[in-house]
Protein backbone atom coordinates (compact mmCIF):
# COMPACT_ATOMS: atom_id res chain seq x y z
CA UNK A 1 19.94 18.18 -3.42
CA UNK A 2 17.19 17.26 -0.41
CA UNK A 3 16.51 13.69 -0.26
CA UNK A 4 12.47 12.97 -1.11
CA UNK A 5 10.42 12.82 1.90
CA UNK A 6 7.29 10.53 2.25
CA UNK A 7 4.43 10.62 4.34
CA UNK A 8 3.45 7.46 5.74
CA UNK A 9 0.45 6.58 7.42
CA UNK A 10 -0.60 2.97 8.60
CA UNK A 11 0.16 0.35 11.14
CA UNK A 12 3.07 -0.45 13.22
CA UNK A 13 4.01 -3.60 14.92
CA UNK A 14 6.81 -4.06 17.81
CA UNK A 15 7.77 -7.59 15.90
CA UNK A 16 7.45 -8.16 12.66
CA UNK A 17 7.72 -6.68 9.15
CA UNK A 18 4.42 -5.01 8.06
CA UNK A 19 2.83 -1.17 7.60
CA UNK A 20 5.30 1.45 8.87
CA UNK A 21 7.53 -1.31 10.42
CA UNK A 22 8.71 -2.45 6.79
CA UNK A 23 8.11 1.00 4.99
CA UNK A 24 10.61 3.06 7.17
CA UNK A 25 13.62 0.65 6.37
CA UNK A 26 12.47 0.44 2.50
CA UNK A 27 12.53 4.13 2.25
CA UNK A 28 15.79 4.48 4.21
CA UNK A 29 17.57 2.00 1.57
CA UNK A 30 16.33 4.25 -1.10
CA UNK A 31 18.09 7.05 0.55
CA UNK A 32 14.49 9.01 1.23
CA UNK A 33 12.94 10.42 4.46
CA UNK A 34 10.04 8.65 6.03
CA UNK A 35 7.69 11.01 7.81
CA UNK A 36 5.97 8.39 10.02
CA UNK A 37 2.66 8.18 11.47
CA UNK A 38 1.27 4.85 12.98
CA UNK A 39 -2.62 4.53 12.94
CA UNK A 40 -2.21 1.59 15.03
CA UNK A 41 0.32 -0.29 17.04
CA UNK A 42 0.48 -4.07 18.02
CA UNK A 43 3.15 -6.49 19.42
CA UNK A 44 2.84 -8.56 16.35
CA UNK A 45 0.46 -9.27 13.13
CA UNK A 46 -2.80 -10.34 14.43
CA UNK A 47 -2.43 -13.47 11.99
CA UNK A 48 0.49 -14.71 14.29
CA UNK A 49 -0.94 -13.84 17.77
CA UNK A 50 -4.08 -12.58 19.43
CA UNK A 51 -2.44 -9.10 19.45
CA UNK A 52 -3.93 -6.02 21.23
CA UNK A 53 -4.63 -3.22 18.86
CA UNK A 54 -3.48 0.64 20.26
CA UNK A 55 -5.44 3.03 17.73
CA UNK A 56 -4.44 6.43 17.57
CA UNK A 57 -6.93 9.07 18.28
CA UNK A 58 -8.12 11.07 15.26
CA UNK A 59 -7.61 14.08 17.30
CA UNK A 60 -4.14 13.10 17.81
CA UNK A 61 -3.43 12.02 14.02
CA UNK A 62 -4.97 15.46 12.96
CA UNK A 63 -2.71 17.43 15.48
CA UNK A 64 0.44 15.78 14.25
CA UNK A 65 -0.55 16.60 10.65
CA UNK A 66 -1.23 19.97 11.33
CA UNK A 67 1.94 20.65 13.43
CA UNK A 68 4.00 18.74 10.62
CA UNK A 69 2.95 21.33 8.41
CA UNK A 70 5.04 23.71 10.42
CA UNK A 71 8.15 21.78 9.89
CA UNK A 72 7.70 20.50 6.38
CA UNK A 73 5.44 22.27 3.53
CA UNK A 74 3.64 20.76 0.88
CA UNK A 75 6.76 21.32 -1.28
CA UNK A 76 8.94 19.15 0.94
CA UNK A 77 6.36 16.29 0.99
CA UNK A 78 6.93 14.00 -2.50
CA UNK A 79 4.33 11.31 -1.76
CA UNK A 80 1.75 10.69 0.73
CA UNK A 81 1.23 6.83 1.59
CA UNK A 82 -1.65 5.40 3.53
CA UNK A 83 -2.27 1.53 4.41
CA UNK A 84 -4.07 0.17 7.38
CA UNK A 85 -6.21 2.45 9.64
CA UNK A 86 -7.74 1.93 12.85
CA UNK A 87 -11.18 3.55 12.72
CA UNK A 88 -13.35 5.67 10.25
CA UNK A 89 -12.46 9.01 11.87
CA UNK A 90 -8.55 8.62 10.43
CA UNK A 91 -10.28 8.49 7.04
CA UNK A 92 -11.80 12.09 7.56
CA UNK A 93 -8.27 13.60 8.72
CA UNK A 94 -6.32 12.10 5.81
CA UNK A 95 -8.62 13.19 3.15
CA UNK A 96 -8.40 16.88 4.80
CA UNK A 97 -4.71 16.44 4.44
CA UNK A 98 -4.62 15.19 0.87
CA UNK A 99 -7.00 17.65 -0.59
CA UNK A 100 -4.96 20.51 0.77
CA UNK A 101 -1.86 18.98 -1.37
CA UNK A 102 -3.33 18.08 -4.43
CA UNK A 103 0.01 18.31 -6.41
CA UNK A 104 1.48 15.32 -4.08
CA UNK A 105 1.47 11.89 -5.21
CA UNK A 106 -0.93 9.79 -3.13
CA UNK A 107 -0.49 5.78 -2.84
CA UNK A 108 -3.62 4.63 -1.61
CA UNK A 109 -3.31 0.78 -0.26
CA UNK A 110 -6.62 -0.22 0.86
CA UNK A 111 -5.47 -3.01 3.23
CA UNK A 112 -8.79 -3.81 4.67
CA UNK A 113 -9.48 -7.38 3.66
CA UNK A 114 -8.31 -10.61 2.09
CA UNK A 115 -9.15 -14.35 1.56
CA UNK A 116 -13.02 -13.24 0.97
CA UNK A 117 -13.61 -10.91 3.68
CA UNK A 118 -12.79 -7.76 5.67
CA UNK A 119 -10.76 -7.82 8.48
CA UNK A 120 -11.59 -4.15 9.66
CA UNK A 121 -14.76 -2.71 10.33
CA UNK A 122 -17.01 -2.31 7.39
CA UNK A 123 -17.96 1.32 8.02
CA UNK A 124 -14.34 2.03 8.00
CA UNK A 125 -14.03 -0.07 4.66
CA UNK A 126 -16.68 1.88 3.14
CA UNK A 127 -15.62 5.37 4.37
CA UNK A 128 -12.17 4.52 2.91
CA UNK A 129 -13.56 3.58 -0.40
CA UNK A 130 -15.65 6.25 -0.68
CA UNK A 131 -13.51 9.26 0.62
CA UNK A 132 -9.99 8.10 -0.25
CA UNK A 133 -9.78 5.98 -3.47
CA UNK A 134 -10.98 8.92 -5.49
CA UNK A 135 -8.22 11.07 -4.44
CA UNK A 136 -5.44 8.59 -4.85
CA UNK A 137 -2.66 8.72 -7.85
CA UNK A 138 -2.16 5.00 -7.69
CA UNK A 139 -3.97 2.16 -5.62
CA UNK A 140 -2.30 -1.26 -4.67
CA UNK A 141 -5.28 -3.55 -3.92
CA UNK A 142 -5.13 -7.45 -3.58
CA UNK A 143 -7.86 -9.61 -5.15
CA UNK A 144 -10.40 -9.21 -2.52
CA UNK A 145 -9.80 -5.66 -2.27
CA UNK A 146 -10.23 -4.98 -5.89
CA UNK A 147 -13.55 -7.08 -5.79
CA UNK A 148 -14.98 -4.97 -2.65
CA UNK A 149 -13.48 -1.55 -4.38
CA UNK A 150 -15.19 -2.26 -7.95
CA UNK A 151 -18.08 -4.31 -6.88
CA UNK A 152 -17.41 -7.17 -9.28
CA UNK A 153 -15.79 -10.54 -8.79
CA UNK A 154 -12.17 -10.73 -9.56
CA UNK A 155 -11.11 -14.47 -10.07
CA UNK A 156 -8.81 -14.00 -12.97
CA UNK A 157 -6.50 -11.78 -15.16
CA UNK A 158 -9.91 -10.71 -17.67
CA UNK A 159 -11.93 -9.74 -14.57
CA UNK A 160 -8.85 -8.37 -12.80
CA UNK A 161 -8.53 -5.95 -15.80
CA UNK A 162 -12.30 -5.43 -16.02
CA UNK A 163 -12.16 -4.20 -12.15
CA UNK A 164 -9.30 -2.35 -12.53
CA UNK A 165 -10.85 -0.12 -15.12
CA UNK A 166 -14.13 0.27 -12.98
CA UNK A 167 -11.82 1.45 -9.84
CA UNK A 168 -9.60 3.77 -12.60
CA UNK A 169 -13.07 5.57 -13.14
CA UNK A 170 -13.60 6.14 -9.75
CA UNK A 171 -10.56 8.46 -9.48
CA UNK A 172 -6.93 6.69 -9.27
CA UNK A 173 -5.02 7.23 -12.64
CA UNK A 174 -3.13 3.70 -11.88
CA UNK A 175 -4.49 0.44 -10.56
CA UNK A 176 -1.97 -2.20 -9.40
CA UNK A 177 -3.64 -5.34 -8.28
CA UNK A 178 -1.68 -8.18 -6.41
CA UNK A 179 -1.94 -11.75 -6.35
CA UNK A 180 -4.45 -12.59 -9.06
CA UNK A 181 -4.72 -16.14 -10.03
CA UNK A 182 -3.03 -16.54 -13.71
CA UNK A 183 -2.50 -20.47 -14.60
CA UNK A 184 -1.71 -23.31 -12.67
CA UNK A 185 1.08 -22.65 -10.25
CA UNK A 186 1.24 -19.04 -11.52
CA UNK A 187 -0.13 -15.62 -10.16
CA UNK A 188 -0.08 -12.07 -11.57
CA UNK A 189 0.27 -8.51 -10.49
CA UNK A 190 -1.82 -6.45 -13.32
CA UNK A 191 -1.16 -2.70 -14.06
CA UNK A 192 -3.74 -0.88 -15.37
CA UNK A 193 -3.74 2.90 -16.37
CA UNK A 194 -4.56 5.53 -18.95
CA UNK A 195 -4.46 3.34 -22.04
CA UNK A 196 -2.18 1.10 -20.60
CA UNK A 197 -2.40 -2.75 -19.23
CA UNK A 198 0.64 -4.64 -18.03
CA UNK A 199 0.59 -7.87 -16.69
CA UNK A 200 3.76 -9.21 -14.44
CA UNK A 201 3.43 -12.88 -14.25
CA UNK A 202 5.33 -14.99 -11.11
CA UNK A 203 5.67 -18.33 -10.10
CA UNK A 204 2.93 -19.10 -7.22
CA UNK A 205 4.80 -19.48 -3.98
CA UNK A 206 3.52 -22.03 -1.40
CA UNK A 207 1.98 -19.87 0.96
CA UNK A 208 1.46 -16.21 1.13
CA UNK A 209 3.49 -14.12 3.52
CA UNK A 210 2.01 -11.27 5.93
CA UNK A 211 3.42 -7.85 5.13
CA UNK A 212 4.31 -8.63 1.32
CA UNK A 213 1.40 -5.95 0.02
CA UNK A 214 2.72 -3.73 2.44
CA UNK A 215 6.26 -4.35 1.30
CA UNK A 216 5.27 -3.87 -2.46
CA UNK A 217 3.73 -0.55 -1.88
CA UNK A 218 6.58 0.95 0.02
CA UNK A 219 8.99 -0.27 -2.80
CA UNK A 220 6.68 1.52 -5.43
CA UNK A 221 6.50 4.65 -3.51
CA UNK A 222 9.95 4.82 -3.34
CA UNK A 223 10.60 4.06 -6.85
CA UNK A 224 7.88 6.58 -7.75
CA UNK A 225 9.47 9.71 -5.90
CA UNK A 226 12.82 8.45 -7.37
CA UNK A 227 11.73 9.39 -10.91
CA UNK A 228 10.45 6.28 -12.28
CA UNK A 229 7.55 5.92 -14.32
CA UNK A 230 4.28 4.07 -13.10
CA UNK A 231 5.28 1.35 -15.55
CA UNK A 232 8.88 1.33 -14.64
CA UNK A 233 8.14 1.53 -10.81
CA UNK A 234 5.12 -1.13 -10.85
CA UNK A 235 7.62 -3.81 -12.37
CA UNK A 236 10.36 -3.32 -10.51
CA UNK A 237 8.52 -3.53 -7.14
CA UNK A 238 6.46 -6.56 -8.12
CA UNK A 239 9.90 -8.31 -9.25
CA UNK A 240 11.57 -7.29 -6.14
CA UNK A 241 8.86 -8.07 -3.80
CA UNK A 242 8.35 -11.40 -5.49
CA UNK A 243 11.84 -12.46 -4.92
CA UNK A 244 11.38 -11.41 -1.12
CA UNK A 245 8.10 -13.62 -0.96
CA UNK A 246 10.30 -16.44 -2.63
CA UNK A 247 13.32 -16.30 0.02
CA UNK A 248 10.47 -16.12 2.56
CA UNK A 249 9.34 -19.53 2.46
CA UNK A 250 11.58 -21.12 4.60
CA UNK A 251 11.21 -18.50 7.21
CA UNK A 252 7.37 -17.62 7.18
CA UNK A 253 8.19 -13.88 7.33
CA UNK A 254 9.38 -10.91 5.22
CA UNK A 255 13.08 -10.86 5.01
CA UNK A 256 15.01 -7.00 4.87
CA UNK A 257 15.23 -5.90 1.55
CA UNK A 258 18.80 -5.55 0.86
CA UNK A 259 20.74 -2.67 -1.64
CA UNK A 260 21.49 -5.80 -4.34
CA UNK A 261 17.88 -6.39 -4.95
CA UNK A 262 17.01 -2.31 -5.70
CA UNK A 263 19.98 -2.10 -8.05
């Protein structure tokens, strides 16, 4: 029996745990193969240092995906997961590939803003919203990204549910919004799908950690290709990620996922 394969297109850092740098070991821990394309490469997360960003040319990304088909057919790829992208040309390349593989699970993690503002070029964010969101099986926005994708202000659980329903109407079957204010010292991750709403509540930690959203999306993807339902996968991915965030408070970086946490 072959191991599931996940095509992961997102950023990579030399030092740290974000993007593909965190996704690859997570998928490996679950026993899955990662087909890894790095949209950008940095020495470290820009929140840590003023890092130079080396962006993969869109022609190179297109070439890699075309040549990948010679060794991995659509039937050999169980999921496509996209995260941080380097420029709007990446969107067209990914869109073309996803459309050619309509039966493949597509996890769309926007990764374009937080704390009230975009941290990528607005043209890229708009192209991503317009072209990739409608193709996705599940999307995993944070609060800012949920507001951006839905065009309404998300500030609490009720508004997050409303925004998720709007996003759902644009194409995704499921919307998992993370880090929503729920109550004093409490946040929630909210899953909205066809006739379903789940609210996963957690103790609010002192500080946010870079890479938490990337970690959650990678765990979710691995759980889904392992055969978990969307509700089971979201519940477990949120719980594991919160456990890692809690462990990270003294280190200010995401710790490695261990086999004990995924059992």
